[in-house]
């Protein structure tokens, strides 16, 4: 019992102590919080007071700075206004000076105008006086002329005509003699200069001479190979002809097959394919197709390489790829045994040398020479002459006008309009006419000369004709009583047309008609 009462007292004391501790802690906390609040309040009031002080200071500084700026702006405005007033004052002074000057000039002009009016009046008086004197002089001259005509018995116009006729007759012979001497002198100088230039150009470019034939023949190891080429029921030869477009002529010629085609490229493809088939020995339609396709690609690649080589060799610069390919096709084209691509390269180089000698554009001359026969690359595919085709191609690929002119005029179908075209035509003639350039038998050569003279002699009014310069010129002598000067031109054109219609010849043929009248008398 006692223990229970003691335990209850202890518990009550503990509770009381806890309650007192809690109340003391709360009071201490409230005291501390109040103290911190008062401190914070004092700090805030201090900050506000400092802020008010700083604001007043900034306000005073801003007001002082604004007053200084206003004062500065006012001073600047006053200075600018003073400067403007000074400028206006200077302008007013200048205007016043100019007005004074204009006034003085106006006074001077008025005085000058008065002087001019006086001079015009004096001039008018003198003019009237001179006209009166001129009329008097003319009247005196007329009277004197009438007296002279009366004394001489001839009018003034007749006398003037007689004097002019005498002077003309006396000077006519001297004038004709002078003109003839100068013409002869000029011809000799031009001929010598032209020979010198041509000799230098040919000497600087000397290429090999090699003739080519247009016949494509494939050699066979044995005659039995002809049967394999023909194949069973002719299937092999039909396949070759249909794939290549070339006719195979298999006749009694021992160990040889002749290829016939107007297209030199197709003929070259067929020749390569047939040579491969013959050397391989396997000849059947499938194999023929493979070989023909491969040879066609090889020939096409070779055409491109030949064209690029020609462009590089002549150094003409950039050129359209289609023209490069057409140049390569000329490698398989021949003209009277002369390779057309080699002829074009020769023409380009000679034209370039000629241009260099006379101070013309050497690169442009080479370009014209290289492309002058470009129409021959496809003249068997397109209707028209190789000149017309070449002009169309050059125009299509935007070649210079000098190149187009050279292509159009290199056979003298039209008159050349540039010196480059003349040089290209001369180079073309040199390349074609040099010894060995074109093959021609003696019999054909002689026959052509005879035909030239026969055609010329068949024209009415022709007395005689002579084929000269290896058949490149025919000189025709006409009867002066039957043919006058105008008819001589007609005779030359008739002979030219007859030659073009009846003869086949390389290059060009010049027709020269000579009409001469001789007056002969004998002094006794």
Protein backbone atom coordinates (compact mmCIF):
# COMPACT_ATOMS: atom_id res chain seq x y z
CA UNK A 1 0.00 0.00 0.00
CA UNK A 2 2.77 2.37 0.93
CA UNK A 3 4.59 1.53 -2.22
CA UNK A 4 1.61 2.27 -4.32
CA UNK A 5 1.15 5.71 -2.72
CA UNK A 6 4.84 6.52 -3.21
CA UNK A 7 4.73 5.40 -6.86
CA UNK A 8 1.67 7.61 -7.47
CA UNK A 9 3.42 10.62 -5.96
CA UNK A 10 6.46 10.02 -8.10
CA UNK A 11 4.38 9.79 -11.21
CA UNK A 12 2.55 13.01 -10.27
CA UNK A 13 5.86 14.80 -9.70
CA UNK A 14 7.20 13.61 -12.98
CA UNK A 15 4.10 14.82 -14.80
CA UNK A 16 4.33 18.21 -13.04
CA UNK A 17 8.02 18.55 -14.00
CA UNK A 18 7.26 17.66 -17.62
CA UNK A 19 4.44 20.19 -17.70
CA UNK A 20 6.66 22.89 -16.18
CA UNK A 21 9.46 22.03 -18.71
CA UNK A 22 7.09 22.27 -21.60
CA UNK A 23 5.76 25.61 -20.39
CA UNK A 24 9.32 26.91 -19.84
CA UNK A 25 10.41 25.79 -23.31
CA UNK A 26 7.39 27.47 -24.89
CA UNK A 27 8.11 30.72 -23.04
CA UNK A 28 11.79 30.60 -24.07
CA UNK A 29 10.83 29.92 -27.67
CA UNK A 30 8.37 32.82 -27.69
CA UNK A 31 11.02 35.09 -26.18
CA UNK A 32 13.61 34.08 -28.78
CA UNK A 33 11.11 34.47 -31.64
CA UNK A 34 10.12 37.94 -30.39
CA UNK A 35 13.76 38.94 -30.13
CA UNK A 36 14.50 37.74 -33.71
CA UNK A 37 11.37 39.51 -35.01
CA UNK A 38 12.42 42.79 -33.43
CA UNK A 39 15.93 42.41 -34.87
CA UNK A 40 14.54 41.69 -38.37
CA UNK A 41 12.16 44.61 -38.07
CA UNK A 42 15.04 46.91 -37.17
CA UNK A 43 17.11 45.63 -40.11
CA UNK A 44 14.17 46.13 -42.50
CA UNK A 45 13.64 49.67 -41.25
CA UNK A 46 17.36 50.32 -41.73
CA UNK A 47 17.27 48.93 -45.28
CA UNK A 48 14.23 51.10 -46.10
CA UNK A 49 15.95 54.13 -44.66
CA UNK A 50 19.14 53.41 -46.68
CA UNK A 51 17.05 52.86 -49.80
CA UNK A 52 15.29 56.20 -49.35
CA UNK A 53 18.66 57.84 -48.85
CA UNK A 54 20.14 56.17 -51.99
CA UNK A 55 17.06 57.04 -54.03
CA UNK A 56 17.28 60.69 -53.00
CA UNK A 57 20.96 60.67 -53.96
CA UNK A 58 20.28 59.04 -57.39
CA UNK A 59 17.44 61.47 -58.01
CA UNK A 60 19.68 64.42 -57.28
CA UNK A 61 22.42 62.98 -59.54
CA UNK A 62 19.94 62.34 -62.37
CA UNK A 63 18.54 65.84 -62.10
CA UNK A 64 22.06 67.30 -62.16
CA UNK A 65 23.04 65.13 -65.17
CA UNK A 66 19.83 66.02 -67.02
CA UNK A 67 20.46 69.72 -66.41
CA UNK A 68 24.03 69.26 -67.78
CA UNK A 69 22.72 67.44 -70.89
CA UNK A 70 20.10 70.09 -71.50
CA UNK A 71 22.74 72.76 -71.20
CA UNK A 72 25.02 70.85 -73.62
CA UNK A 73 22.21 70.31 -76.12
CA UNK A 74 21.31 73.99 -75.87
CA UNK A 75 24.92 75.00 -76.51
CA UNK A 76 25.18 72.60 -79.47
CA UNK A 77 21.94 73.91 -80.94
CA UNK A 78 23.09 77.47 -80.54
CA UNK A 79 26.44 76.64 -82.21
CA UNK A 80 24.69 74.80 -85.08
CA UNK A 81 22.32 77.71 -85.54
CA UNK A 82 25.23 80.13 -85.64
CA UNK A 83 26.99 77.90 -88.26
CA UNK A 84 23.84 77.74 -90.39
CA UNK A 85 23.42 81.49 -90.16
CA UNK A 86 27.03 81.89 -91.26
CA UNK A 87 26.52 79.55 -94.24
CA UNK A 88 23.33 81.36 -95.25
CA UNK A 89 25.16 84.64 -94.97
CA UNK A 90 27.98 83.33 -97.22
CA UNK A 91 25.46 82.08 -99.78
CA UNK A 92 23.70 85.42 -99.77
CA UNK A 93 27.03 87.16 -100.37
CA UNK A 94 27.85 84.79 -103.25
CA UNK A 95 24.42 85.31 -104.78
CA UNK A 96 24.83 89.04 -104.55
CA UNK A 97 28.25 88.80 -106.22
CA UNK A 98 26.82 86.55 -108.97
CA UNK A 99 23.90 88.90 -109.54
CA UNK A 100 26.35 91.78 -109.93
CA UNK A 101 28.40 89.70 -112.39
CA UNK A 102 25.28 88.77 -114.39
CA UNK A 103 24.23 92.38 -114.49
CA UNK A 104 27.62 93.40 -115.87
CA UNK A 105 27.50 90.53 -118.39
CA UNK A 106 24.02 91.54 -119.49
CA UNK A 107 25.25 95.09 -120.07
CA UNK A 108 28.20 93.75 -122.10
CA UNK A 109 25.90 91.51 -124.15
CA UNK A 110 23.62 94.41 -124.90
CA UNK A 111 26.60 96.41 -126.12
CA UNK A 112 27.83 93.47 -128.22
CA UNK A 113 24.37 93.00 -129.71
CA UNK A 114 24.32 96.67 -130.73
CA UNK A 115 27.77 96.25 -132.35
CA UNK A 116 26.63 93.11 -134.17
CA UNK A 117 23.56 94.83 -135.46
CA UNK A 118 25.75 97.63 -136.79
CA UNK A 119 28.08 95.11 -138.46
CA UNK A 120 25.14 93.21 -140.01
CA UNK A 121 23.83 96.44 -141.44
CA UNK A 122 27.24 97.24 -142.93
CA UNK A 123 27.55 93.67 -144.27
CA UNK A 124 24.12 93.88 -145.91
CA UNK A 125 25.14 97.10 -147.59
CA UNK A 126 28.38 95.51 -148.85
CA UNK A 127 26.48 92.42 -150.01
CA UNK A 128 24.16 94.54 -152.08
CA UNK A 129 27.14 96.38 -153.49
CA UNK A 130 28.96 93.09 -154.33
CA UNK A 131 25.86 91.65 -156.01
CA UNK A 132 25.62 94.73 -158.17
CA UNK A 133 29.32 94.45 -159.08
CA UNK A 134 28.93 90.69 -159.75
CA UNK A 135 26.05 91.39 -162.10
CA UNK A 136 28.13 93.97 -163.90
CA UNK A 137 31.10 91.55 -164.18
CA UNK A 138 28.87 88.76 -165.48
CA UNK A 139 27.43 91.08 -168.05
CA UNK A 140 30.91 92.12 -169.16
CA UNK A 141 32.04 88.45 -169.32
CA UNK A 142 28.95 87.52 -171.29
CA UNK A 143 29.59 90.29 -173.77
CA UNK A 144 33.25 89.24 -174.08
CA UNK A 145 32.24 85.60 -174.55
CA UNK A 146 29.75 86.58 -177.27
CA UNK A 147 32.47 88.57 -179.03
CA UNK A 148 34.93 85.63 -178.76
CA UNK A 149 32.32 83.20 -180.12
CA UNK A 150 31.57 85.62 -182.94
CA UNK A 151 35.27 85.98 -183.79
CA UNK A 152 36.05 82.20 -183.45
CA UNK A 153 32.86 81.01 -185.07
CA UNK A 154 32.28 78.32 -182.33
CA UNK A 155 30.27 78.20 -179.13
CA UNK A 156 31.69 78.02 -175.63
CA UNK A 157 30.41 74.45 -175.02
CA UNK A 158 31.86 73.22 -178.32
CA UNK A 159 35.24 74.77 -177.51
CA UNK A 160 35.22 73.17 -174.06
CA UNK A 161 34.35 69.78 -175.55
CA UNK A 162 37.16 70.05 -178.15
CA UNK A 163 39.73 70.87 -175.44
CA UNK A 164 38.54 68.00 -173.22
CA UNK A 165 38.63 65.55 -176.14
CA UNK A 166 42.19 66.57 -177.00
CA UNK A 167 43.33 66.20 -173.40
CA UNK A 168 41.57 62.83 -173.09
CA UNK A 169 43.13 61.48 -176.30
CA UNK A 170 46.58 62.67 -175.30
CA UNK A 171 46.33 61.15 -171.81
CA UNK A 172 44.46 57.95 -172.68
CA UNK A 173 47.52 56.09 -173.94
CA UNK A 174 49.61 57.17 -170.97
CA UNK A 175 46.87 56.16 -168.51
CA UNK A 176 46.39 52.75 -170.17
CA UNK A 177 50.15 52.17 -170.21
CA UNK A 178 50.44 53.11 -166.53
CA UNK A 179 47.54 50.87 -165.52
CA UNK A 180 48.97 47.93 -167.47
CA UNK A 181 52.42 48.35 -165.95
CA UNK A 182 51.00 48.58 -162.44
CA UNK A 183 48.77 45.53 -163.00
CA UNK A 184 51.70 43.48 -164.28
CA UNK A 185 53.85 44.62 -161.39
CA UNK A 186 51.15 43.75 -158.87
CA UNK A 187 50.54 40.34 -160.46
CA UNK A 188 54.24 39.49 -160.35
CA UNK A 189 54.55 40.58 -156.71
CA UNK A 190 51.42 38.69 -155.67
CA UNK A 191 52.47 35.57 -157.55
CA UNK A 192 55.94 35.59 -156.02
CA UNK A 193 54.55 36.19 -152.54
CA UNK A 194 51.95 33.43 -152.94
CA UNK A 195 54.57 30.94 -154.15
CA UNK A 196 56.78 31.81 -151.22
CA UNK A 197 53.98 31.36 -148.69
CA UNK A 198 52.83 28.07 -150.22
CA UNK A 199 56.38 26.74 -150.33
CA UNK A 200 56.93 27.62 -146.68
CA UNK A 201 53.62 26.03 -145.64
CA UNK A 202 54.27 22.78 -147.54
CA UNK A 203 57.86 22.68 -146.29
CA UNK A 204 56.78 23.09 -142.66
CA UNK A 205 54.21 20.31 -142.95
CA UNK A 206 55.45 17.24 -144.82
CA UNK A 207 53.56 14.02 -144.14
CA UNK A 208 53.87 10.50 -145.45
CA UNK A 209 52.29 9.53 -148.76
CA UNK A 210 50.23 6.39 -148.71
CA UNK A 211 47.50 5.35 -151.09
CA UNK A 212 44.50 3.33 -149.93
CA UNK A 213 42.03 1.18 -151.80
CA UNK A 214 38.32 0.88 -151.29
CA UNK A 215 38.17 -2.87 -151.88
CA UNK A 216 37.75 -5.03 -148.75
CA UNK A 217 39.04 -8.55 -149.21
CA UNK A 218 39.35 -11.28 -146.56
CA UNK A 219 41.98 -13.95 -147.14
CA UNK A 220 41.08 -17.58 -146.42
CA UNK A 221 43.52 -20.28 -145.35
CA UNK A 222 41.91 -22.83 -147.70
CA UNK A 223 39.15 -22.75 -150.29
CA UNK A 224 37.11 -25.25 -148.20
CA UNK A 225 36.49 -22.39 -145.75
CA UNK A 226 34.12 -20.83 -148.33
CA UNK A 227 31.66 -23.65 -147.78
CA UNK A 228 31.74 -23.15 -144.00
CA UNK A 229 31.15 -19.43 -144.51
CA UNK A 230 28.12 -20.19 -146.68
CA UNK A 231 26.83 -22.80 -144.20
CA UNK A 232 24.05 -25.31 -144.51
CA UNK A 233 21.52 -24.00 -147.04
CA UNK A 234 23.31 -20.60 -146.87
CA UNK A 235 22.30 -19.81 -143.27
CA UNK A 236 25.75 -18.52 -142.21
CA UNK A 237 26.22 -16.13 -145.12
CA UNK A 238 22.63 -14.88 -144.74
CA UNK A 239 23.24 -14.23 -141.03
CA UNK A 240 26.44 -12.30 -141.75
CA UNK A 241 24.81 -10.21 -144.48
CA UNK A 242 21.70 -9.44 -142.41
CA UNK A 243 23.68 -8.47 -139.28
CA UNK A 244 26.32 -6.34 -141.03
CA UNK A 245 24.44 -5.02 -144.08
CA UNK A 246 27.34 -6.11 -146.30
CA UNK A 247 27.20 -8.33 -149.40
CA UNK A 248 29.67 -11.26 -149.42
CA UNK A 249 30.92 -12.10 -152.91
CA UNK A 250 32.19 -15.68 -152.98
CA UNK A 251 33.37 -16.51 -156.48
CA UNK A 252 36.21 -18.41 -158.12
CA UNK A 253 38.86 -16.14 -156.63
CA UNK A 254 41.20 -18.54 -154.82
CA UNK A 255 41.32 -18.24 -151.01
CA UNK A 256 39.54 -14.88 -150.86
CA UNK A 257 36.13 -13.39 -150.11
CA UNK A 258 35.19 -9.91 -151.33
CA UNK A 259 33.00 -7.61 -149.18
CA UNK A 260 30.78 -5.11 -151.00
CA UNK A 261 29.05 -2.21 -149.23
CA UNK A 262 28.71 1.55 -149.79
CA UNK A 263 29.10 2.17 -146.03
CA UNK A 264 32.82 1.92 -145.12
CA UNK A 265 32.08 1.48 -141.41
CA UNK A 266 29.76 -1.46 -141.96
CA UNK A 267 32.29 -2.93 -144.37
CA UNK A 268 35.02 -2.63 -141.72
CA UNK A 269 32.80 -4.34 -139.10
CA UNK A 270 32.07 -7.19 -141.51
CA UNK A 271 35.75 -7.56 -142.41
CA UNK A 272 36.88 -7.77 -138.77
CA UNK A 273 34.09 -10.21 -137.89
CA UNK A 274 34.82 -12.47 -140.86
CA UNK A 275 38.55 -12.51 -140.08
CA UNK A 276 37.83 -13.56 -136.47
CA UNK A 277 35.38 -16.24 -137.57
CA UNK A 278 37.83 -17.63 -140.13
CA UNK A 279 40.73 -17.71 -137.67
CA UNK A 280 38.55 -19.25 -134.93
CA UNK A 281 36.92 -21.83 -137.19
CA UNK A 282 33.59 -21.84 -135.33
CA UNK A 283 31.07 -20.44 -137.79
CA UNK A 284 27.39 -20.69 -136.90
CA UNK A 285 24.60 -18.09 -136.45
CA UNK A 286 24.96 -17.70 -132.66
CA UNK A 287 28.73 -17.29 -132.88
CA UNK A 288 28.32 -14.88 -135.80
CA UNK A 289 26.00 -12.65 -133.74
CA UNK A 290 28.47 -12.53 -130.83
CA UNK A 291 31.46 -11.72 -133.06
CA UNK A 292 29.62 -9.07 -135.11
CA UNK A 293 28.43 -7.29 -131.95
CA UNK A 294 31.94 -7.35 -130.47
CA UNK A 295 33.49 -6.03 -133.70
CA UNK A 296 30.85 -3.31 -133.94
CA UNK A 297 31.79 -2.10 -130.45
CA UNK A 298 35.50 -2.25 -131.29
CA UNK A 299 35.01 -0.26 -134.50
CA UNK A 300 32.90 2.31 -132.66
CA UNK A 301 35.63 2.69 -130.03
CA UNK A 302 38.26 2.96 -132.76
CA UNK A 303 36.18 5.65 -134.48
CA UNK A 304 36.07 7.69 -131.27
CA UNK A 305 39.83 7.27 -130.74
CA UNK A 306 40.64 8.29 -134.32
CA UNK A 307 38.50 11.41 -134.00
CA UNK A 308 40.06 12.41 -130.68
CA UNK A 309 43.53 11.77 -132.10
CA UNK A 310 42.81 14.05 -135.07
CA UNK A 311 41.52 16.83 -132.78
CA UNK A 312 44.56 16.49 -130.52
CA UNK A 313 47.02 16.38 -133.41
CA UNK A 314 45.64 19.54 -135.04
CA UNK A 315 45.24 21.36 -131.71
CA UNK A 316 41.94 23.05 -132.58
CA UNK A 317 40.62 23.06 -129.01
CA UNK A 318 37.19 22.01 -127.76
CA UNK A 319 34.80 20.44 -130.26
CA UNK A 320 31.39 18.79 -129.97
CA UNK A 321 31.56 15.01 -129.24
CA UNK A 322 29.32 14.22 -132.23
CA UNK A 323 31.75 15.99 -134.56
CA UNK A 324 34.62 14.02 -132.98
CA UNK A 325 32.80 10.79 -133.84
CA UNK A 326 32.12 11.96 -137.40
CA UNK A 327 35.82 12.79 -137.82
CA UNK A 328 36.65 9.27 -136.72
CA UNK A 329 34.28 7.87 -139.36
CA UNK A 330 36.32 9.65 -142.02
CA UNK A 331 39.17 7.21 -141.24
CA UNK A 332 37.17 4.54 -143.07
CA UNK A 333 36.34 6.77 -146.03
CA UNK A 334 38.62 7.15 -149.07
CA UNK A 335 38.55 9.50 -152.03
CA UNK A 336 40.51 8.39 -155.10
CA UNK A 337 42.64 6.20 -152.85
CA UNK A 338 43.32 9.01 -150.32
CA UNK A 339 42.22 8.52 -146.72
CA UNK A 340 39.75 11.34 -146.03
CA UNK A 341 40.70 11.74 -142.34
CA UNK A 342 44.40 11.94 -143.19
CA UNK A 343 43.54 14.39 -145.97
CA UNK A 344 41.55 16.51 -143.50
CA UNK A 345 44.45 16.56 -141.03
CA UNK A 346 46.86 17.56 -143.82
CA UNK A 347 44.48 20.29 -144.93
CA UNK A 348 44.19 21.58 -141.36
CA UNK A 349 47.95 21.71 -140.83
CA UNK A 350 48.66 23.36 -144.20
CA UNK A 351 45.85 25.91 -143.65
CA UNK A 352 47.30 26.69 -140.23
CA UNK A 353 50.77 27.27 -141.69
CA UNK A 354 49.35 29.51 -144.42
CA UNK A 355 47.40 31.52 -141.82
CA UNK A 356 50.51 31.92 -139.67
CA UNK A 357 52.50 33.21 -142.65
CA UNK A 358 50.00 35.98 -143.42
CA UNK A 359 49.12 36.86 -139.82
CA UNK A 360 45.64 35.28 -139.64
CA UNK A 361 44.12 33.11 -136.87
CA UNK A 362 46.06 29.85 -137.13
CA UNK A 363 43.77 27.84 -134.80
CA UNK A 364 40.64 28.91 -136.69
CA UNK A 365 42.28 28.03 -140.04
CA UNK A 366 43.15 24.55 -138.71
CA UNK A 367 39.59 24.07 -137.50
CA UNK A 368 38.19 25.02 -140.91
CA UNK A 369 40.66 22.70 -142.66
CA UNK A 370 39.88 19.75 -140.40
CA UNK A 371 36.09 20.09 -140.78
CA UNK A 372 35.92 21.04 -144.47
CA UNK A 373 35.03 17.45 -145.56
CA UNK A 374 33.00 16.50 -142.45
CA UNK A 375 29.94 15.95 -144.65
CA UNK A 376 31.61 12.90 -146.25
CA UNK A 377 31.22 11.04 -142.92
CA UNK A 378 27.50 10.59 -143.59
CA UNK A 379 26.88 11.64 -147.21
CA UNK A 380 25.82 8.06 -148.00
CA UNK A 381 23.22 8.18 -145.22
CA UNK A 382 21.80 11.70 -145.72
CA UNK A 383 20.47 13.15 -148.97
CA UNK A 384 22.57 15.93 -150.48
CA UNK A 385 26.18 16.67 -151.37
CA UNK A 386 28.88 16.45 -148.75
CA UNK A 387 29.21 20.25 -148.89
CA UNK A 388 25.54 20.82 -148.00
CA UNK A 389 25.67 18.14 -145.31
CA UNK A 390 28.86 19.63 -143.85
CA UNK A 391 27.32 23.13 -143.71
CA UNK A 392 24.24 21.73 -141.98
CA UNK A 393 26.34 19.83 -139.41
CA UNK A 394 28.60 22.82 -138.68
CA UNK A 395 25.57 25.06 -138.24
CA UNK A 396 23.86 22.51 -135.99
CA UNK A 397 26.84 22.28 -133.65
CA UNK A 398 27.42 26.06 -133.59
CA UNK A 399 30.78 26.21 -135.35
CA UNK A 400 32.23 29.67 -136.14
CA UNK A 401 30.91 31.40 -139.25
CA UNK A 402 34.38 31.23 -140.85
CA UNK A 403 34.34 27.42 -140.56
CA UNK A 404 30.86 27.22 -142.11
CA UNK A 405 32.01 29.54 -144.91
CA UNK A 406 35.08 27.33 -145.54
CA UNK A 407 32.93 24.18 -145.78
CA UNK A 408 30.47 25.84 -148.16
CA UNK A 409 33.09 27.36 -150.49
CA UNK A 410 35.98 24.86 -150.57
CA UNK A 411 34.73 23.47 -153.91
CA UNK A 412 33.86 26.98 -155.18
CA UNK A 413 30.13 26.22 -155.11
CA UNK A 414 29.72 29.63 -153.49
CA UNK A 415 32.09 32.57 -153.21
CA UNK A 416 34.16 32.68 -149.99
CA UNK A 417 33.43 35.53 -147.58
CA UNK A 418 36.49 35.24 -145.32
CA UNK A 419 40.24 34.81 -145.71
CA UNK A 420 40.00 31.63 -143.58
CA UNK A 421 37.75 30.02 -146.22
CA UNK A 422 40.25 30.93 -148.97
CA UNK A 423 43.13 29.41 -146.97
CA UNK A 424 41.15 26.22 -146.32
CA UNK A 425 40.36 25.85 -150.05
CA UNK A 426 44.02 26.39 -150.96
CA UNK A 427 45.15 23.84 -148.36
CA UNK A 428 42.56 21.36 -149.64
CA UNK A 429 43.90 21.71 -153.18
CA UNK A 430 47.50 21.31 -151.99
CA UNK A 431 46.72 18.17 -150.01
CA UNK A 432 44.81 16.60 -152.92
CA UNK A 433 47.22 17.58 -155.69
CA UNK A 434 50.55 16.66 -154.07
CA UNK A 435 52.32 13.74 -155.80
CA UNK A 436 51.07 10.36 -154.65
CA UNK A 437 48.15 11.69 -152.65
CA UNK A 438 45.53 10.21 -154.94
CA UNK A 439 45.82 7.18 -157.11
CA UNK A 440 45.04 7.47 -160.79
CA UNK A 441 46.24 5.27 -163.62
CA UNK A 442 48.03 6.72 -166.65
CA UNK A 443 45.26 5.53 -168.93
CA UNK A 444 42.54 7.25 -166.86
CA UNK A 445 44.67 10.38 -166.56
CA UNK A 446 45.19 10.59 -170.33
CA UNK A 447 41.55 9.85 -171.00
CA UNK A 448 40.45 12.63 -168.65
CA UNK A 449 42.67 15.17 -170.43
CA UNK A 450 41.23 14.11 -173.80
CA UNK A 451 37.67 14.39 -172.49
CA UNK A 452 38.37 17.87 -171.13
CA UNK A 453 39.56 19.09 -174.52
CA UNK A 454 36.72 17.34 -176.38
CA UNK A 455 34.07 18.91 -174.14
CA UNK A 456 35.63 22.35 -174.59
CA UNK A 457 35.94 22.01 -178.38
CA UNK A 458 32.28 20.93 -178.66
CA UNK A 459 31.06 24.40 -177.61
CA UNK A 460 30.24 26.67 -180.61
CA UNK A 461 32.72 29.49 -181.11
CA UNK A 462 35.68 27.68 -179.50
CA UNK A 463 38.80 27.75 -181.70
CA UNK A 464 41.00 25.44 -179.59
CA UNK A 465 41.45 24.19 -176.02
CA UNK A 466 44.33 22.85 -173.94
CA UNK A 467 44.18 20.81 -170.71
CA UNK A 468 47.06 21.95 -168.44
CA UNK A 469 48.29 21.53 -164.86
CA UNK A 470 47.66 17.79 -164.76
CA UNK A 471 44.04 18.23 -165.81
CA UNK A 472 43.21 20.77 -163.12
CA UNK A 473 42.77 23.59 -165.64
CA UNK A 474 41.52 23.83 -169.20
CA UNK A 475 42.34 26.93 -171.25
CA UNK A 476 39.91 27.68 -174.04
CA UNK A 477 40.67 30.04 -176.94
CA UNK A 478 37.55 31.39 -178.63
CA UNK A 479 37.05 33.05 -182.02
CA UNK A 480 36.82 36.84 -181.31
CA UNK A 481 34.58 37.40 -184.35
CA UNK A 482 32.01 34.86 -183.11
CA UNK A 483 32.25 35.40 -179.34
CA UNK A 484 32.22 38.80 -177.62
CA UNK A 485 33.28 39.58 -174.05
CA UNK A 486 29.89 38.87 -172.51
CA UNK A 487 29.48 35.60 -174.42
CA UNK A 488 32.93 34.49 -173.20
CA UNK A 489 31.50 34.34 -169.66
CA UNK A 490 28.62 32.21 -170.93
CA UNK A 491 31.04 29.84 -172.71
CA UNK A 492 33.05 29.35 -169.51
CA UNK A 493 29.89 28.47 -167.59
CA UNK A 494 28.72 26.05 -170.33
CA UNK A 495 32.06 24.21 -170.29
CA UNK A 496 32.02 24.07 -166.48
CA UNK A 497 28.50 22.55 -166.46
CA UNK A 498 29.42 20.02 -169.18
CA UNK A 499 32.51 18.92 -167.20
CA UNK A 500 30.48 18.53 -163.99
CA UNK A 501 27.80 16.46 -165.76
CA UNK A 502 30.04 14.21 -167.88
CA UNK A 503 33.32 13.71 -165.98
CA UNK A 504 34.31 12.21 -162.63
CA UNK A 505 37.45 13.80 -161.21
CA UNK A 506 39.14 14.59 -157.88
CA UNK A 507 39.32 18.16 -156.62
CA UNK A 508 38.39 21.03 -158.93
CA UNK A 509 38.99 21.99 -162.58
CA UNK A 510 39.48 25.64 -163.53
CA UNK A 511 38.02 26.82 -166.87
CA UNK A 512 39.78 29.83 -168.44
CA UNK A 513 38.30 31.36 -171.60
CA UNK A 514 40.68 33.57 -173.63
CA UNK A 515 39.40 36.05 -176.21
CA UNK A 516 42.00 38.11 -178.05
CA UNK A 517 41.60 40.63 -180.87
CA UNK A 518 44.73 41.50 -182.90
CA UNK A 519 45.00 44.45 -185.27
CA UNK A 520 47.82 43.97 -187.80
CA UNK A 521 49.03 46.47 -190.34
CA UNK A 522 52.19 46.72 -192.48
CA UNK A 523 54.16 49.93 -192.85
CA UNK A 524 55.42 50.45 -196.42
